[in-house]
Amino acid sequence: MNTKINIPEFEVSEFNKAFKNIIETNFNYVRIKGEISEIKTATKGQIYLTLKDNDSILSGVIWDQKKKYLDIIPELGLEIIATGKITTWSRFKTTYQIDIDKIEIAGEGALLKIIEERKKRLQKKGYFEIDKKNSLPYLPSRIGIITSPTGSVVYDIINRVNDRFPMPLDIWPVSVQGIDAVSSIINAIDGFNEMIKDKPDVIIIARGGGSTEDLMAFNDEKLAIKVFESKIPIVSAIGHETDTTIIDLVSDLRASTPTAAAEKTVPVKNEIEGQLKNFHFQLENKLKSKLSIIRDNLEYLNKLLKAPIFIINIYGDKINQSLKKIDLSIKNKLNLINLNLLNVKKSINSPDNILKIKKMSIKEHTKNLESKIVEKYNNNKLNLKSNLRLLNSNSVSTNLKKGYSILTQKNKILSSVKKININLDLEAKLSDGKLKVNVKKIN
């Protein structure tokens, strides 16, 4: 059974067109808040991005002709409020997206968080270290200025430089806000560094004050690295004194204002001229004093100097006197030597005389020796006779002949009765024989 269906029927294109009309009629301009989770740049320049919150996502597109009107550059993780129209697209697949005209940061706290994360990464890599910064020349010959061509900043710098010390200024106009600001400033830095002729000695990057969002280009990580790598010293003057951007930390010198940047870059010409005049005066006085001393010394030396022939004669006389003294000294020395030789000759006797004297001495000593020998012989003979008489008078045999006897016991002479006992057999020696005796009594 055929049932009549009361449901509208559409062609695909017809439905998509109707859907497009519904969407675009009900949602003209909208503001969508979300975090950027994906970014892609197409070959034609448009940027495709994806916004997300905790529950869902929404596609978005920024057409190439609209990028230059953006105040900030889209970045992953950045929470934004996108303003634009909801559009649909159904050629190859059905989808809808927000056609973005404007991007705003969703709260300054999120922006400050991103800036702080960038600072930590750059600080960890050593981009903020003082010892890696370039020194500014005391008196540059040319200054490069990177800033917006409109506004008071560029005129403040020009006027301040001209007031202090007029010199050539090269101004490189750039965008200081918006999506093109970072790339235009990087191109300017590269341009100044790559110049062959009339390259500036120092670069000033400047802009006026603004909100954190307005100054985001100067918190860009790529720009900070480019400032750090510049061979030409860079002075940053971004915003007012209370504004501090990342390139302020990376640059070789940070100035609180553009005017202060000009003051820190060039000295005051009048002060230098005054110093030079003072130095010139001091140098002139010192030269005069030195020349006066030299002149006095020359006059003094001139008084001391004589004609060359006079000096030669003086030294000639001195040499002649010295030669005479040497000649006299040699003669005196020779005379002294001759006298010594004569004295030595006198003191030396002839060998014949010495021989005669020695012979006479020998004869004399020979006579004395003979008499001494005879005298010695007679004395020794007398001593011998006396000793023989004494020996004979004290001999044992002589005493035995006088009636003495010697008692012995076993061939040992007895000298005391203490060693003799009764009935002891002894031997008595007399002058003409020996007796055997027996002790009967000891008194």
Protein backbone atom coordinates (compact mmCIF):
# COMPACT_ATOMS: atom_id res chain seq x y z
CA MET A 1 0.00 0.00 0.00
CA ASN A 2 1.45 3.32 -1.03
CA THR A 3 1.54 5.82 1.73
CA LYS A 4 1.76 9.43 0.76
CA ILE A 5 4.86 10.96 2.37
CA ASN A 6 4.45 14.59 3.29
CA ILE A 7 8.28 15.33 3.54
CA PRO A 8 9.98 17.87 1.30
CA GLU A 9 12.40 16.46 -1.21
CA PHE A 10 15.60 18.34 -2.17
CA GLU A 11 18.40 17.92 -4.61
CA VAL A 12 21.79 17.89 -2.92
CA SER A 13 22.79 21.28 -4.29
CA GLU A 14 19.33 22.61 -3.49
CA PHE A 15 19.59 21.47 0.12
CA ASN A 16 23.09 22.79 0.57
CA LYS A 17 22.00 26.13 -0.80
CA ALA A 18 19.02 26.21 1.55
CA PHE A 19 21.26 25.24 4.46
CA LYS A 20 23.76 27.94 3.49
CA ASN A 21 20.96 30.54 3.45
CA ILE A 22 19.74 29.43 6.89
CA ILE A 23 23.22 29.54 8.43
CA GLU A 24 24.34 32.80 6.88
CA THR A 25 20.97 34.48 7.52
CA ASN A 26 20.82 33.54 11.19
CA PHE A 27 24.50 34.03 11.86
CA ASN A 28 25.78 37.17 10.23
CA TYR A 29 28.85 38.33 12.23
CA VAL A 30 29.75 36.32 15.30
CA ARG A 31 32.53 36.29 17.92
CA ILE A 32 33.88 32.82 18.71
CA LYS A 33 36.16 32.20 21.72
CA GLY A 34 38.49 29.22 21.62
CA GLU A 35 42.05 27.90 21.67
CA ILE A 36 43.97 27.51 18.40
CA SER A 37 44.76 23.79 18.12
CA GLU A 38 45.87 23.59 14.48
CA ILE A 39 47.30 26.02 11.90
CA LYS A 40 47.96 25.46 8.19
CA THR A 41 49.04 27.97 5.53
CA ALA A 42 47.86 27.23 1.99
CA THR A 43 49.85 27.86 -1.19
CA LYS A 44 47.70 30.90 -2.02
CA GLY A 45 48.46 32.49 1.34
CA GLN A 46 45.26 31.84 3.28
CA ILE A 47 45.55 30.45 6.83
CA TYR A 48 43.38 27.56 7.96
CA LEU A 49 43.02 27.07 11.68
CA THR A 50 40.99 25.06 14.16
CA LEU A 51 39.43 26.50 17.32
CA LYS A 52 38.54 24.23 20.21
CA ASP A 53 37.09 24.24 23.68
CA ASN A 54 36.59 21.38 26.10
CA ASP A 55 33.85 19.68 24.05
CA SER A 56 34.15 20.49 20.34
CA ILE A 57 36.04 22.16 17.51
CA LEU A 58 35.31 24.75 14.80
CA SER A 59 37.21 25.31 11.56
CA GLY A 60 38.23 28.81 10.52
CA VAL A 61 39.95 30.53 7.62
CA ILE A 62 41.82 33.83 7.26
CA TRP A 63 42.03 34.85 3.60
CA ASP A 64 45.25 36.28 2.30
CA GLN A 65 43.83 39.75 1.66
CA LYS A 66 42.64 39.95 5.29
CA LYS A 67 45.93 38.94 6.97
CA LYS A 68 47.38 42.45 6.83
CA TYR A 69 44.49 43.74 8.94
CA LEU A 70 45.19 41.31 11.81
CA ASP A 71 46.69 42.71 15.01
CA ILE A 72 48.28 39.45 16.15
CA ILE A 73 49.79 36.38 14.53
CA PRO A 74 47.85 33.15 15.14
CA GLU A 75 49.85 30.66 17.24
CA LEU A 76 49.21 27.17 18.53
CA GLY A 77 47.87 27.15 22.07
CA LEU A 78 46.78 30.80 21.89
CA GLU A 79 43.31 31.46 23.28
CA ILE A 80 41.57 34.01 21.04
CA ILE A 81 38.25 35.62 20.18
CA ALA A 82 37.72 35.39 16.42
CA THR A 83 35.31 37.83 14.77
CA GLY A 84 33.84 36.87 11.35
CA LYS A 85 31.01 35.31 9.36
CA ILE A 86 29.90 31.70 9.38
CA THR A 87 30.08 30.30 5.86
CA THR A 88 29.41 26.88 4.38
CA TRP A 89 31.22 24.92 1.69
CA SER A 90 29.90 21.88 -0.15
CA ARG A 91 31.84 21.29 -3.33
CA PHE A 92 33.74 18.15 -2.32
CA LYS A 93 32.44 17.75 1.21
CA THR A 94 29.95 19.49 3.36
CA THR A 95 31.40 21.73 6.04
CA TYR A 96 31.03 25.08 7.67
CA GLN A 97 33.60 27.45 9.08
CA ILE A 98 34.13 30.92 10.39
CA ASP A 99 35.51 33.38 7.85
CA ILE A 100 37.74 35.41 10.20
CA ASP A 101 38.18 39.18 9.87
CA LYS A 102 39.71 39.94 13.27
CA ILE A 103 41.55 38.11 16.08
CA GLU A 104 41.72 39.26 19.68
CA ILE A 105 43.49 37.73 22.65
CA ALA A 106 40.99 36.22 25.07
CA GLY A 107 42.26 38.03 28.15
CA GLU A 108 45.66 39.54 28.86
CA GLY A 109 46.53 36.73 31.30
CA ALA A 110 46.71 34.17 28.48
CA LEU A 111 48.96 36.50 26.48
CA LEU A 112 51.28 37.08 29.43
CA LYS A 113 51.53 33.32 29.96
CA ILE A 114 52.72 32.84 26.37
CA ILE A 115 55.26 35.65 26.73
CA GLU A 116 56.58 34.15 29.97
CA GLU A 117 57.01 30.71 28.35
CA ARG A 118 58.98 32.29 25.51
CA LYS A 119 61.22 34.15 27.95
CA LYS A 120 62.01 30.93 29.78
CA ARG A 121 62.95 29.12 26.55
CA LEU A 122 65.20 31.95 25.35
CA GLN A 123 66.80 32.44 28.76
CA LYS A 124 67.61 28.73 28.96
CA LYS A 125 69.43 29.04 25.62
CA GLY A 126 71.50 31.98 26.89
CA TYR A 127 69.98 34.75 24.77
CA PHE A 128 69.74 37.16 27.71
CA GLU A 129 73.34 36.81 29.00
CA ILE A 130 75.19 40.11 29.46
CA ASP A 131 78.57 38.83 28.22
CA LYS A 132 77.06 37.95 24.84
CA LYS A 133 75.90 41.50 24.10
CA ASN A 134 77.75 43.77 21.64
CA SER A 135 79.23 47.08 22.76
CA LEU A 136 77.93 50.27 21.16
CA PRO A 137 80.47 52.55 19.43
CA TYR A 138 81.17 55.77 21.30
CA LEU A 139 80.59 57.88 18.19
CA PRO A 140 78.79 56.06 15.35
CA SER A 141 79.22 57.39 11.83
CA ARG A 142 75.75 56.27 10.73
CA ILE A 143 72.60 55.04 12.50
CA GLY A 144 69.91 52.72 11.15
CA ILE A 145 66.35 53.25 12.44
CA ILE A 146 63.71 50.54 12.20
CA THR A 147 60.25 51.93 12.98
CA SER A 148 56.92 52.98 11.53
CA PRO A 149 57.24 55.77 8.95
CA THR A 150 54.21 57.49 10.48
CA GLY A 151 53.77 58.76 13.99
CA SER A 152 55.95 60.79 16.33
CA VAL A 153 58.53 58.08 17.15
CA VAL A 154 60.69 58.52 14.05
CA TYR A 155 60.63 62.32 14.39
CA ASP A 156 61.53 62.15 18.07
CA ILE A 157 64.63 60.10 17.22
CA ILE A 158 65.62 62.31 14.27
CA ASN A 159 65.21 65.53 16.24
CA ARG A 160 67.09 64.20 19.27
CA VAL A 161 70.02 62.97 17.15
CA ASN A 162 70.21 66.29 15.31
CA ASP A 163 70.17 68.17 18.61
CA ARG A 164 73.01 66.11 20.06
CA PHE A 165 75.25 65.21 17.12
CA PRO A 166 73.92 65.44 13.55
CA MET A 167 74.89 62.44 11.43
CA PRO A 168 73.49 60.31 8.57
CA LEU A 169 70.31 58.41 9.53
CA ASP A 170 68.94 55.51 7.47
CA ILE A 171 65.25 54.88 8.18
CA TRP A 172 63.82 51.48 7.29
CA PRO A 173 60.01 51.77 7.46
CA VAL A 174 58.22 48.71 8.89
CA SER A 175 54.92 47.66 10.38
CA VAL A 176 55.13 47.77 14.15
CA GLN A 177 51.79 46.05 14.78
CA GLY A 178 49.84 43.32 13.08
CA ILE A 179 50.57 40.07 11.35
CA ASP A 180 53.22 41.54 8.99
CA ALA A 181 55.17 43.35 11.71
CA VAL A 182 57.51 40.48 12.63
CA SER A 183 58.51 39.62 9.06
CA SER A 184 59.02 43.28 8.07
CA ILE A 185 61.25 43.97 11.12
CA ILE A 186 63.27 40.79 10.47
CA ASN A 187 63.74 41.87 6.84
CA ALA A 188 64.94 45.27 8.02
CA ILE A 189 67.51 43.76 10.40
CA ASP A 190 68.79 41.44 7.67
CA GLY A 191 68.86 44.35 5.21
CA PHE A 192 71.03 46.53 7.42
CA ASN A 193 73.41 43.65 8.26
CA GLU A 194 73.82 42.68 4.60
CA MET A 195 74.63 46.20 3.38
CA ILE A 196 78.08 46.54 1.82
CA LYS A 197 78.23 50.33 1.49
CA ASP A 198 77.12 52.82 4.13
CA LYS A 199 76.35 50.12 6.68
CA PRO A 200 75.14 51.67 9.97
CA ASP A 201 77.26 51.27 13.11
CA VAL A 202 74.19 50.84 15.33
CA ILE A 203 70.49 50.04 14.83
CA ILE A 204 67.55 51.48 16.79
CA ILE A 205 64.28 49.49 16.81
CA ALA A 206 61.51 51.72 18.14
CA ARG A 207 57.76 52.16 18.49
CA GLY A 208 55.41 54.02 20.80
CA GLY A 209 53.55 52.58 23.74
CA GLY A 210 50.56 50.29 23.61
CA SER A 211 48.78 47.37 25.21
CA THR A 212 50.36 43.96 25.61
CA GLU A 213 48.48 42.85 22.52
CA ASP A 214 49.75 45.84 20.53
CA LEU A 215 53.36 45.03 21.42
CA MET A 216 53.12 41.28 20.70
CA ALA A 217 55.26 41.55 17.54
CA PHE A 218 58.20 42.53 19.76
CA ASN A 219 57.63 39.43 21.92
CA ASP A 220 58.01 37.14 18.92
CA GLU A 221 60.58 34.34 19.36
CA LYS A 222 61.93 34.47 15.78
CA LEU A 223 62.41 38.22 15.98
CA ALA A 224 64.21 37.88 19.32
CA ILE A 225 66.66 35.37 17.82
CA LYS A 226 67.25 37.65 14.82
CA VAL A 227 68.04 40.58 17.15
CA PHE A 228 70.47 38.37 19.10
CA GLU A 229 72.26 37.22 15.93
CA SER A 230 72.67 40.74 14.47
CA LYS A 231 76.31 41.68 13.88
CA ILE A 232 75.37 45.34 14.23
CA PRO A 233 74.60 46.39 17.84
CA ILE A 234 70.86 46.94 18.38
CA VAL A 235 69.20 49.39 20.76
CA SER A 236 65.56 48.59 21.54
CA ALA A 237 63.09 51.34 22.44
CA ILE A 238 59.70 49.69 22.56
CA GLY A 239 56.78 51.42 24.30
CA HIS A 240 57.24 53.41 27.46
CA GLU A 241 59.54 52.89 30.43
CA THR A 242 57.14 50.40 32.08
CA ASP A 243 56.83 48.28 28.93
CA THR A 244 59.40 45.50 28.67
CA THR A 245 59.29 43.18 25.65
CA ILE A 246 61.39 40.13 24.84
CA ILE A 247 63.59 41.99 22.34
CA ASP A 248 64.39 44.48 25.12
CA LEU A 249 66.00 41.56 26.98
CA VAL A 250 67.82 40.24 23.90
CA SER A 251 69.03 43.56 22.43
CA ASP A 252 72.48 44.91 23.18
CA LEU A 253 71.00 47.94 24.98
CA ARG A 254 67.47 48.75 26.13
CA ALA A 255 66.18 52.33 26.20
CA SER A 256 63.04 53.35 28.06
CA THR A 257 61.76 55.52 25.19
CA PRO A 258 62.73 56.27 21.57
CA THR A 259 64.12 59.63 22.69
CA ALA A 260 66.25 57.90 25.32
CA ALA A 261 67.50 55.51 22.61
CA ALA A 262 68.80 58.47 20.60
CA GLU A 263 70.49 59.88 23.72
CA LYS A 264 72.21 56.55 24.51
CA THR A 265 73.34 56.09 20.91
CA VAL A 266 75.01 59.44 20.19
CA PRO A 267 76.97 61.78 22.48
CA VAL A 268 76.49 65.55 22.66
CA LYS A 269 78.59 67.26 20.00
CA ASN A 270 79.13 70.44 22.04
CA GLU A 271 80.43 68.41 24.99
CA ILE A 272 82.87 66.53 22.75
CA GLU A 273 84.03 69.78 21.18
CA GLY A 274 84.58 71.22 24.66
CA GLN A 275 86.57 68.15 25.70
CA LEU A 276 88.62 68.31 22.50
CA LYS A 277 89.41 71.99 23.10
CA ASN A 278 90.46 71.16 26.66
CA PHE A 279 92.63 68.28 25.43
CA HIS A 280 94.12 70.53 22.75
CA PHE A 281 94.94 73.20 25.35
CA GLN A 282 96.55 70.61 27.67
CA LEU A 283 98.50 69.07 24.80
CA GLU A 284 99.71 72.46 23.61
CA ASN A 285 100.92 73.37 27.11
CA LYS A 286 102.71 70.06 27.51
CA LEU A 287 104.37 70.43 24.11
CA LYS A 288 105.51 73.97 24.96
CA SER A 289 106.90 72.78 28.27
CA LYS A 290 108.65 69.83 26.61
CA LEU A 291 110.09 72.03 23.86
CA SER A 292 111.37 74.51 26.45
CA ILE A 293 113.15 71.73 28.33
CA ILE A 294 114.67 70.40 25.10
CA ARG A 295 115.80 73.92 24.11
CA ASP A 296 117.47 74.41 27.50
CA ASN A 297 119.22 71.05 27.22
CA LEU A 298 120.46 71.92 23.73
CA GLU A 299 121.86 75.22 24.92
CA TYR A 300 123.59 73.51 27.82
CA LEU A 301 125.08 70.87 25.52
CA ASN A 302 126.13 73.54 23.06
CA LYS A 303 128.15 75.23 25.79
CA LEU A 304 129.86 71.97 26.65
CA LEU A 305 130.68 71.04 23.07
CA LYS A 306 134.07 72.18 21.68
CA ALA A 307 135.62 72.20 18.19
CA PRO A 308 136.48 68.64 17.04
CA ILE A 309 140.21 69.47 16.54
CA PHE A 310 140.37 70.83 20.08
CA ILE A 311 138.88 67.64 21.49
CA ILE A 312 141.26 65.54 19.36
CA ASN A 313 144.28 67.48 20.61
CA ILE A 314 143.17 67.08 24.22
CA TYR A 315 142.81 63.34 23.85
CA GLY A 316 146.08 63.21 21.84
CA ASP A 317 147.96 64.83 24.72
CA LYS A 318 146.38 62.41 27.16
CA ILE A 319 147.45 59.47 25.00
CA ASN A 320 151.05 60.78 24.72
CA GLN A 321 151.23 61.23 28.48
CA SER A 322 149.92 57.73 28.96
CA LEU A 323 152.55 56.34 26.54
CA LYS A 324 155.34 58.17 28.39
CA LYS A 325 154.14 56.76 31.69
CA ILE A 326 154.04 53.27 30.21
CA ASP A 327 157.59 53.68 28.76
CA LEU A 328 158.97 54.93 32.09
CA SER A 329 157.20 52.13 33.94
CA ILE A 330 158.74 49.53 31.60
CA LYS A 331 162.27 51.01 32.07
CA ASN A 332 161.89 51.00 35.87
CA LYS A 333 160.71 47.43 35.77
CA LEU A 334 163.69 46.35 33.64
CA ASN A 335 166.17 48.11 35.99
CA LEU A 336 164.60 46.39 38.97
CA ILE A 337 164.90 43.04 37.24
CA ASN A 338 168.59 43.68 36.43
CA LEU A 339 169.34 44.58 40.05
CA ASN A 340 167.65 41.42 41.24
CA LEU A 341 169.68 39.39 38.77
CA LEU A 342 172.92 40.94 40.02
CA ASN A 343 172.01 40.19 43.62
CA VAL A 344 171.15 36.65 42.73
CA LYS A 345 174.45 36.27 40.85
CA LYS A 346 176.39 37.52 43.85
CA SER A 347 174.63 35.14 46.16
CA ILE A 348 175.39 32.14 43.95
CA ASN A 349 178.93 30.52 44.59
CA SER A 350 181.00 28.59 42.10
CA PRO A 351 180.60 24.78 42.22
CA ASP A 352 184.39 24.35 42.78
CA ASN A 353 184.30 26.57 45.84
CA ILE A 354 181.32 24.70 47.20
CA LEU A 355 183.09 21.37 46.54
CA LYS A 356 186.26 22.53 48.39
CA ILE A 357 184.20 23.69 51.34
CA LYS A 358 182.31 20.41 51.46
CA LYS A 359 185.61 18.39 51.30
CA MET A 360 187.09 20.36 54.15
CA SER A 361 183.91 19.85 56.14
CA ILE A 362 184.09 16.10 55.48
CA LYS A 363 187.77 15.89 56.62
CA GLU A 364 186.97 17.82 59.76
CA HIS A 365 184.01 15.58 60.51
CA THR A 366 186.14 12.48 59.81
CA LYS A 367 188.77 13.54 62.39
CA ASN A 368 186.10 14.23 64.93
CA LEU A 369 184.45 10.89 64.18
CA GLU A 370 187.67 8.92 64.82
CA SER A 371 188.29 10.62 68.16
CA LYS A 372 184.69 10.13 69.12
CA ILE A 373 184.91 6.40 68.28
CA VAL A 374 188.08 5.91 70.41
CA GLU A 375 186.58 7.87 73.26
CA LYS A 376 183.38 5.85 73.05
CA TYR A 377 185.32 2.57 72.98
CA ASN A 378 187.38 3.41 76.09
CA ASN A 379 184.29 4.51 78.02
CA ASN A 380 182.41 1.31 77.12
CA LYS A 381 185.50 -0.79 78.09
CA LEU A 382 185.68 0.82 81.53
CA ASN A 383 181.96 0.30 82.05
CA LEU A 384 182.31 -3.35 81.11
CA LYS A 385 185.10 -3.95 83.64
CA SER A 386 183.14 -2.24 86.39
CA ASN A 387 180.03 -4.29 85.61
CA LEU A 388 182.11 -7.52 85.60
CA ARG A 389 183.48 -6.78 89.02
CA LEU A 390 180.02 -6.03 90.34
CA LEU A 391 178.68 -9.20 88.77
CA ASN A 392 181.41 -11.36 90.21
CA SER A 393 180.96 -9.95 93.70
CA ASN A 394 177.25 -10.73 93.62
CA SER A 395 177.38 -14.15 91.93
CA VAL A 396 176.12 -17.34 93.69
CA SER A 397 179.40 -19.19 93.35
CA THR A 398 181.33 -16.34 94.99
CA ASN A 399 178.90 -16.27 97.91
CA LEU A 400 179.10 -20.09 98.26
CA LYS A 401 182.87 -19.83 98.46
CA LYS A 402 182.41 -17.42 101.34
CA GLY A 403 180.67 -20.24 103.34
CA TYR A 404 177.13 -19.68 102.37
CA SER A 405 174.76 -22.52 101.30
CA ILE A 406 171.47 -22.76 99.46
CA LEU A 407 168.52 -24.95 100.66
CA THR A 408 166.23 -26.32 97.97
CA GLN A 409 163.27 -28.61 97.89
CA LYS A 410 162.63 -30.22 94.61
CA ASN A 411 164.94 -27.69 92.90
CA LYS A 412 163.10 -24.76 94.45
CA ILE A 413 165.10 -22.37 96.64
CA LEU A 414 163.70 -21.99 100.16
CA SER A 415 163.85 -18.44 101.50
CA SER A 416 161.72 -18.81 104.68
CA VAL A 417 161.25 -21.39 107.50
CA LYS A 418 157.51 -20.93 107.17
CA LYS A 419 157.57 -23.26 104.24
CA ILE A 420 159.58 -26.00 106.01
CA ASN A 421 158.11 -28.86 108.06
CA ILE A 422 159.67 -31.42 110.52
CA ASN A 423 161.15 -34.56 108.83
CA LEU A 424 161.20 -32.73 105.53
CA ASP A 425 163.98 -33.86 103.21
CA LEU A 426 165.97 -30.99 101.79
CA GLU A 427 169.05 -30.47 99.67
CA ALA A 428 171.86 -28.09 100.70
CA LYS A 429 174.20 -26.77 97.99
CA LEU A 430 177.75 -25.82 98.99
CA SER A 431 180.64 -24.39 96.97
CA ASP A 432 182.13 -27.82 96.32
CA GLY A 433 179.04 -30.13 96.37
CA LYS A 434 175.53 -30.95 97.68
CA LEU A 435 174.18 -32.48 100.91
CA LYS A 436 170.98 -34.36 101.67
CA VAL A 437 169.56 -33.18 104.98
CA ASN A 438 166.50 -34.05 107.12
CA VAL A 439 164.77 -31.41 109.26
CA LYS A 440 164.63 -32.51 112.91
CA LYS A 441 163.88 -29.24 114.58
CA ILE A 442 162.76 -25.78 113.57
CA ASN A 443 163.68 -22.81 115.81
